[in-house]
Amino acid sequence: MKKLKFLSLLVLGMCLSIQVFARKNVVLKGSWNRVEKSINPEIPIQIWLEDSNKDITVQFFENLGPVNITIVTSDGNIMYDTVLGTTEMSTFSITLDDAFIDTEYRIIVSNVKSVVNGLFSINYKYIE
């Protein structure tokens, strides 16, 4: 009985530790220049396409000052463009409206010193 109880608690603990939502990571390419003595090759930005395909979450791990966020189609049409003031560990959400159709997009994050970009695609047919 004790083994069954322990096993049940173990399974319950594993279930509680699993994420209940899904996000797709947008892989960024490029480099982000910093004003510091040592070079850190990591990009201080993380971007996720939420499982609903209706939101993009952008998280900044450092204060990067004002950054420009642009989303363009594969033809180069600008679908979204804004300037944000960032702080350390700030998070922003971008809602993708009905103009975003099932296709591939490029998100570009830049400031006066650096540019990074990543590709993501929207696929509404898998959403209920």
N, C-alpha and C. Protein backbone atom coordinates (compact mmCIF):
# COMPACT_ATOMS: atom_id res chain seq x y z
N MET A 1 0.83 -1.19 0.00
CA MET A 1 0.00 0.00 0.00
C MET A 1 0.87 1.25 0.00
N LYS A 2 1.97 1.22 0.78
CA LYS A 2 2.85 2.38 0.83
C LYS A 2 3.51 2.63 -0.52
N LYS A 3 3.85 1.53 -1.21
CA LYS A 3 4.47 1.67 -2.53
C LYS A 3 3.49 2.30 -3.51
N LEU A 4 2.24 1.88 -3.46
CA LEU A 4 1.22 2.42 -4.34
C LEU A 4 0.99 3.91 -4.06
N LYS A 5 0.96 4.26 -2.80
CA LYS A 5 0.78 5.66 -2.40
C LYS A 5 1.96 6.50 -2.88
N PHE A 6 3.19 5.98 -2.69
CA PHE A 6 4.39 6.69 -3.13
C PHE A 6 4.38 6.85 -4.65
N LEU A 7 4.03 5.79 -5.38
CA LEU A 7 3.98 5.84 -6.83
C LEU A 7 2.93 6.83 -7.30
N SER A 8 1.78 6.86 -6.65
CA SER A 8 0.72 7.81 -7.00
C SER A 8 1.19 9.24 -6.79
N LEU A 9 1.85 9.51 -5.68
CA LEU A 9 2.36 10.86 -5.42
C LEU A 9 3.44 11.24 -6.42
N LEU A 10 4.27 10.29 -6.81
CA LEU A 10 5.32 10.55 -7.79
C LEU A 10 4.71 10.91 -9.14
N VAL A 11 3.72 10.15 -9.59
CA VAL A 11 3.05 10.44 -10.86
C VAL A 11 2.33 11.78 -10.79
N LEU A 12 1.67 12.07 -9.69
CA LEU A 12 0.99 13.36 -9.52
C LEU A 12 1.99 14.50 -9.57
N GLY A 13 3.12 14.34 -8.91
CA GLY A 13 4.16 15.37 -8.94
C GLY A 13 4.70 15.61 -10.33
N MET A 14 4.86 14.54 -11.10
CA MET A 14 5.34 14.69 -12.47
C MET A 14 4.31 15.41 -13.32
N CYS A 15 3.04 15.10 -13.13
CA CYS A 15 1.98 15.76 -13.90
C CYS A 15 1.90 17.24 -13.59
N LEU A 16 2.11 17.61 -12.35
CA LEU A 16 2.03 19.01 -11.96
C LEU A 16 3.22 19.81 -12.46
N SER A 17 4.33 19.16 -12.75
CA SER A 17 5.52 19.89 -13.19
C SER A 17 5.58 20.07 -14.70
N ILE A 18 4.68 19.47 -15.44
CA ILE A 18 4.66 19.59 -16.90
C ILE A 18 3.93 20.87 -17.28
N GLN A 19 4.46 21.58 -18.31
CA GLN A 19 3.82 22.81 -18.76
C GLN A 19 2.43 22.51 -19.29
N VAL A 20 1.51 23.41 -19.02
CA VAL A 20 0.14 23.23 -19.47
C VAL A 20 -0.16 24.06 -20.70
N PHE A 21 0.78 24.81 -21.19
CA PHE A 21 0.60 25.57 -22.41
C PHE A 21 1.81 25.33 -23.29
N ALA A 22 1.62 25.55 -24.57
CA ALA A 22 2.70 25.30 -25.51
C ALA A 22 3.09 26.59 -26.20
N ARG A 23 4.37 26.76 -26.38
CA ARG A 23 4.88 27.89 -27.14
C ARG A 23 5.93 27.36 -28.09
N LYS A 24 6.05 28.01 -29.22
CA LYS A 24 7.08 27.66 -30.16
C LYS A 24 8.15 28.74 -30.10
N ASN A 25 9.37 28.33 -29.83
CA ASN A 25 10.48 29.27 -29.74
C ASN A 25 10.83 29.78 -31.13
N VAL A 26 11.02 31.09 -31.28
CA VAL A 26 11.49 31.69 -32.52
C VAL A 26 13.00 31.85 -32.38
N VAL A 27 13.75 31.13 -33.19
CA VAL A 27 15.21 31.14 -33.11
C VAL A 27 15.73 32.41 -33.77
N LEU A 28 16.51 33.18 -33.03
CA LEU A 28 17.06 34.43 -33.54
C LEU A 28 18.44 34.20 -34.12
N LYS A 29 18.73 34.88 -35.22
CA LYS A 29 20.04 34.84 -35.84
C LYS A 29 20.63 36.24 -35.81
N GLY A 30 21.94 36.31 -35.74
CA GLY A 30 22.62 37.60 -35.68
C GLY A 30 23.39 37.70 -34.39
N SER A 31 23.87 38.88 -34.10
CA SER A 31 24.58 39.08 -32.84
C SER A 31 24.11 40.38 -32.23
N TRP A 32 24.22 40.45 -30.93
CA TRP A 32 23.80 41.64 -30.20
C TRP A 32 25.02 42.22 -29.52
N ASN A 33 25.44 43.41 -29.96
CA ASN A 33 26.63 44.06 -29.40
C ASN A 33 26.28 44.73 -28.09
N ARG A 34 27.17 44.55 -27.13
CA ARG A 34 26.97 45.13 -25.80
C ARG A 34 28.14 46.04 -25.48
N VAL A 35 27.88 46.98 -24.59
CA VAL A 35 28.93 47.85 -24.11
C VAL A 35 29.46 47.25 -22.82
N GLU A 36 30.42 46.35 -22.95
CA GLU A 36 31.06 45.74 -21.79
C GLU A 36 32.41 45.20 -22.23
N LYS A 37 33.24 44.86 -21.27
CA LYS A 37 34.60 44.44 -21.58
C LYS A 37 34.68 43.02 -22.10
N SER A 38 33.86 42.13 -21.59
CA SER A 38 33.90 40.76 -22.08
C SER A 38 32.77 40.55 -23.08
N ILE A 39 32.97 39.65 -24.00
CA ILE A 39 31.97 39.39 -25.03
C ILE A 39 31.11 38.22 -24.60
N ASN A 40 29.82 38.42 -24.61
CA ASN A 40 28.86 37.38 -24.30
C ASN A 40 28.13 37.04 -25.59
N PRO A 41 28.30 35.84 -26.14
CA PRO A 41 27.72 35.52 -27.44
C PRO A 41 26.21 35.32 -27.42
N GLU A 42 25.61 35.22 -26.26
CA GLU A 42 24.17 34.98 -26.20
C GLU A 42 23.40 36.25 -26.54
N ILE A 43 22.29 36.05 -27.22
CA ILE A 43 21.39 37.16 -27.55
C ILE A 43 20.48 37.36 -26.35
N PRO A 44 20.40 38.59 -25.80
CA PRO A 44 19.62 38.82 -24.58
C PRO A 44 18.12 39.00 -24.83
N ILE A 45 17.62 38.30 -25.85
CA ILE A 45 16.21 38.40 -26.23
C ILE A 45 15.71 36.99 -26.49
N GLN A 46 14.49 36.71 -26.05
CA GLN A 46 13.84 35.43 -26.34
C GLN A 46 12.47 35.74 -26.92
N ILE A 47 12.09 35.04 -27.98
CA ILE A 47 10.81 35.28 -28.64
C ILE A 47 10.08 33.95 -28.77
N TRP A 48 8.77 33.96 -28.44
CA TRP A 48 7.93 32.77 -28.56
C TRP A 48 6.68 33.11 -29.36
N LEU A 49 6.27 32.19 -30.21
CA LEU A 49 4.96 32.24 -30.84
C LEU A 49 4.05 31.39 -29.98
N GLU A 50 3.02 32.00 -29.41
CA GLU A 50 2.13 31.27 -28.52
C GLU A 50 1.35 30.21 -29.30
N ASP A 51 0.85 29.21 -28.59
CA ASP A 51 0.20 28.08 -29.24
C ASP A 51 -1.07 28.45 -29.99
N SER A 52 -1.64 29.59 -29.72
CA SER A 52 -2.84 30.03 -30.43
C SER A 52 -2.53 30.65 -31.78
N ASN A 53 -1.25 30.90 -32.07
CA ASN A 53 -0.81 31.60 -33.28
C ASN A 53 -1.37 33.02 -33.36
N LYS A 54 -1.82 33.56 -32.25
CA LYS A 54 -2.38 34.91 -32.24
C LYS A 54 -1.54 35.88 -31.44
N ASP A 55 -0.52 35.40 -30.75
CA ASP A 55 0.33 36.27 -29.93
C ASP A 55 1.79 35.87 -30.07
N ILE A 56 2.64 36.88 -30.03
CA ILE A 56 4.08 36.67 -29.95
C ILE A 56 4.52 37.32 -28.65
N THR A 57 5.31 36.60 -27.87
CA THR A 57 5.86 37.13 -26.63
C THR A 57 7.34 37.40 -26.84
N VAL A 58 7.77 38.62 -26.51
CA VAL A 58 9.17 39.02 -26.63
C VAL A 58 9.67 39.34 -25.23
N GLN A 59 10.73 38.66 -24.79
CA GLN A 59 11.29 38.91 -23.46
C GLN A 59 12.72 39.40 -23.61
N PHE A 60 13.03 40.47 -22.88
CA PHE A 60 14.36 41.06 -22.87
C PHE A 60 15.01 40.75 -21.53
N PHE A 61 16.23 40.22 -21.57
CA PHE A 61 16.93 39.84 -20.35
C PHE A 61 17.86 40.93 -19.85
N GLU A 62 18.00 42.00 -20.62
CA GLU A 62 18.84 43.14 -20.23
C GLU A 62 18.13 44.42 -20.64
N ASN A 63 18.57 45.52 -20.06
CA ASN A 63 18.08 46.83 -20.49
C ASN A 63 18.81 47.17 -21.78
N LEU A 64 18.11 47.11 -22.90
CA LEU A 64 18.72 47.37 -24.20
C LEU A 64 18.38 48.74 -24.73
N GLY A 65 17.68 49.54 -23.92
CA GLY A 65 17.27 50.86 -24.39
C GLY A 65 16.13 50.71 -25.38
N PRO A 66 15.90 51.73 -26.20
CA PRO A 66 14.82 51.62 -27.18
C PRO A 66 15.19 50.63 -28.28
N VAL A 67 14.27 49.72 -28.58
CA VAL A 67 14.47 48.76 -29.67
C VAL A 67 13.30 48.85 -30.63
N ASN A 68 13.59 48.58 -31.88
CA ASN A 68 12.57 48.56 -32.92
C ASN A 68 12.21 47.11 -33.19
N ILE A 69 10.92 46.79 -33.17
CA ILE A 69 10.45 45.44 -33.50
C ILE A 69 9.62 45.55 -34.77
N THR A 70 10.02 44.79 -35.79
CA THR A 70 9.35 44.81 -37.08
C THR A 70 9.03 43.38 -37.48
N ILE A 71 7.83 43.16 -38.00
CA ILE A 71 7.46 41.86 -38.56
C ILE A 71 7.16 42.09 -40.03
N VAL A 72 7.84 41.32 -40.89
CA VAL A 72 7.67 41.46 -42.34
C VAL A 72 7.31 40.12 -42.95
N THR A 73 6.63 40.17 -44.10
CA THR A 73 6.31 38.96 -44.85
C THR A 73 7.53 38.56 -45.67
N SER A 74 7.44 37.41 -46.32
CA SER A 74 8.54 36.96 -47.17
C SER A 74 8.74 37.88 -48.37
N ASP A 75 7.70 38.66 -48.74
CA ASP A 75 7.83 39.64 -49.84
C ASP A 75 8.43 40.95 -49.36
N GLY A 76 8.56 41.13 -48.05
CA GLY A 76 9.11 42.37 -47.52
C GLY A 76 8.06 43.37 -47.07
N ASN A 77 6.78 42.99 -47.12
CA ASN A 77 5.72 43.89 -46.65
C ASN A 77 5.76 43.97 -45.13
N ILE A 78 5.72 45.18 -44.60
CA ILE A 78 5.76 45.38 -43.16
C ILE A 78 4.36 45.16 -42.59
N MET A 79 4.24 44.20 -41.68
CA MET A 79 2.96 43.88 -41.05
C MET A 79 2.84 44.51 -39.67
N TYR A 80 3.98 44.77 -39.02
CA TYR A 80 3.98 45.32 -37.67
C TYR A 80 5.29 46.05 -37.48
N ASP A 81 5.23 47.23 -36.87
CA ASP A 81 6.44 48.00 -36.61
C ASP A 81 6.20 48.90 -35.40
N THR A 82 7.08 48.79 -34.41
CA THR A 82 6.94 49.62 -33.22
C THR A 82 8.30 49.81 -32.57
N VAL A 83 8.40 50.84 -31.76
CA VAL A 83 9.60 51.09 -30.96
C VAL A 83 9.21 50.91 -29.50
N LEU A 84 9.99 50.09 -28.78
CA LEU A 84 9.72 49.82 -27.37
C LEU A 84 10.89 50.26 -26.52
N GLY A 85 10.60 50.75 -25.34
CA GLY A 85 11.64 51.00 -24.35
C GLY A 85 11.77 49.76 -23.49
N THR A 86 12.96 49.18 -23.43
CA THR A 86 13.13 47.93 -22.68
C THR A 86 13.78 48.19 -21.34
N THR A 87 13.52 47.30 -20.42
CA THR A 87 14.20 47.28 -19.13
C THR A 87 14.65 45.85 -18.90
N GLU A 88 15.45 45.64 -17.87
CA GLU A 88 15.90 44.29 -17.58
C GLU A 88 14.71 43.41 -17.22
N MET A 89 14.64 42.26 -17.86
CA MET A 89 13.58 41.26 -17.65
C MET A 89 12.19 41.79 -18.01
N SER A 90 12.10 42.63 -19.04
CA SER A 90 10.79 43.10 -19.48
C SER A 90 10.22 42.15 -20.53
N THR A 91 8.91 42.06 -20.56
CA THR A 91 8.21 41.17 -21.49
C THR A 91 7.12 41.96 -22.20
N PHE A 92 7.03 41.77 -23.51
CA PHE A 92 6.01 42.44 -24.31
C PHE A 92 5.26 41.40 -25.12
N SER A 93 3.98 41.65 -25.32
CA SER A 93 3.15 40.75 -26.11
C SER A 93 2.67 41.49 -27.35
N ILE A 94 2.77 40.84 -28.49
CA ILE A 94 2.31 41.40 -29.76
C ILE A 94 1.14 40.54 -30.21
N THR A 95 -0.03 41.15 -30.37
CA THR A 95 -1.20 40.42 -30.84
C THR A 95 -1.23 40.46 -32.36
N LEU A 96 -1.30 39.30 -32.96
CA LEU A 96 -1.34 39.19 -34.41
C LEU A 96 -2.80 39.26 -34.84
N ASP A 97 -3.14 40.28 -35.62
CA ASP A 97 -4.54 40.46 -36.01
C ASP A 97 -4.88 39.58 -37.22
N ASP A 98 -6.07 39.79 -37.77
CA ASP A 98 -6.56 38.97 -38.88
C ASP A 98 -5.79 39.18 -40.18
N ALA A 99 -4.99 40.23 -40.26
CA ALA A 99 -4.19 40.47 -41.46
C ALA A 99 -3.08 39.43 -41.60
N PHE A 100 -2.72 38.79 -40.50
CA PHE A 100 -1.69 37.74 -40.54
C PHE A 100 -2.34 36.45 -41.02
N ILE A 101 -1.90 35.97 -42.17
CA ILE A 101 -2.47 34.75 -42.75
C ILE A 101 -1.48 33.60 -42.59
N ASP A 102 -1.89 32.40 -43.01
CA ASP A 102 -1.02 31.22 -42.93
C ASP A 102 0.17 31.39 -43.87
N THR A 103 1.28 31.82 -43.35
CA THR A 103 2.50 31.96 -44.15
C THR A 103 3.69 32.14 -43.22
N GLU A 104 4.85 32.41 -43.80
CA GLU A 104 6.06 32.60 -43.01
C GLU A 104 6.36 34.09 -42.87
N TYR A 105 6.84 34.46 -41.69
CA TYR A 105 7.16 35.85 -41.38
C TYR A 105 8.56 35.93 -40.78
N ARG A 106 9.14 37.12 -40.86
CA ARG A 106 10.43 37.39 -40.23
C ARG A 106 10.21 38.48 -39.19
N ILE A 107 10.68 38.24 -37.96
CA ILE A 107 10.63 39.26 -36.93
C ILE A 107 12.04 39.81 -36.77
N ILE A 108 12.16 41.12 -36.78
CA ILE A 108 13.45 41.80 -36.70
C ILE A 108 13.46 42.68 -35.46
N VAL A 109 14.47 42.51 -34.62
CA VAL A 109 14.63 43.33 -33.42
C VAL A 109 15.96 44.06 -33.57
N SER A 110 15.93 45.39 -33.45
CA SER A 110 17.15 46.15 -33.67
C SER A 110 17.20 47.37 -32.75
N ASN A 111 18.42 47.83 -32.54
CA ASN A 111 18.64 49.13 -31.92
C ASN A 111 19.78 49.79 -32.69
N VAL A 112 20.36 50.85 -32.17
CA VAL A 112 21.38 51.58 -32.93
C VAL A 112 22.65 50.77 -33.15
N LYS A 113 22.88 49.72 -32.37
CA LYS A 113 24.11 48.94 -32.47
C LYS A 113 23.93 47.54 -33.04
N SER A 114 22.75 46.96 -32.94
CA SER A 114 22.60 45.53 -33.25
C SER A 114 21.30 45.24 -33.97
N VAL A 115 21.32 44.12 -34.70
CA VAL A 115 20.13 43.62 -35.39
C VAL A 115 20.11 42.10 -35.26
N VAL A 116 18.97 41.55 -34.84
CA VAL A 116 18.76 40.10 -34.86
C VAL A 116 17.41 39.85 -35.52
N ASN A 117 17.26 38.66 -36.10
CA ASN A 117 16.00 38.34 -36.75
C ASN A 117 15.73 36.85 -36.63
N GLY A 118 14.49 36.50 -36.77
CA GLY A 118 14.09 35.10 -36.71
C GLY A 118 12.86 34.86 -37.57
N LEU A 119 12.72 33.63 -38.04
CA LEU A 119 11.58 33.25 -38.87
C LEU A 119 10.55 32.52 -38.04
N PHE A 120 9.29 32.74 -38.35
CA PHE A 120 8.21 31.96 -37.75
C PHE A 120 7.10 31.83 -38.77
N SER A 121 6.30 30.81 -38.61
CA SER A 121 5.18 30.63 -39.53
C SER A 121 3.90 30.46 -38.73
N ILE A 122 2.83 30.89 -39.33
CA ILE A 122 1.51 30.79 -38.71
C ILE A 122 0.73 29.73 -39.46
N ASN A 123 0.08 28.87 -38.71
CA ASN A 123 -0.71 27.81 -39.31
C ASN A 123 -2.02 27.71 -38.52
N TYR A 124 -3.05 28.37 -39.02
CA TYR A 124 -4.33 28.42 -38.31
C TYR A 124 -5.14 27.13 -38.44
N LYS A 125 -4.84 26.27 -39.41
CA LYS A 125 -5.69 25.09 -39.60
C LYS A 125 -5.59 24.09 -38.46
N TYR A 126 -4.56 24.21 -37.61
CA TYR A 126 -4.43 23.30 -36.48
C TYR A 126 -5.06 23.85 -35.21
N ILE A 127 -5.68 25.01 -35.30
CA ILE A 127 -6.31 25.64 -34.13
C ILE A 127 -7.80 25.36 -34.17
N GLU A 128 -8.33 24.96 -33.06
CA GLU A 128 -9.78 24.68 -32.98
C GLU A 128 -10.52 25.92 -32.58
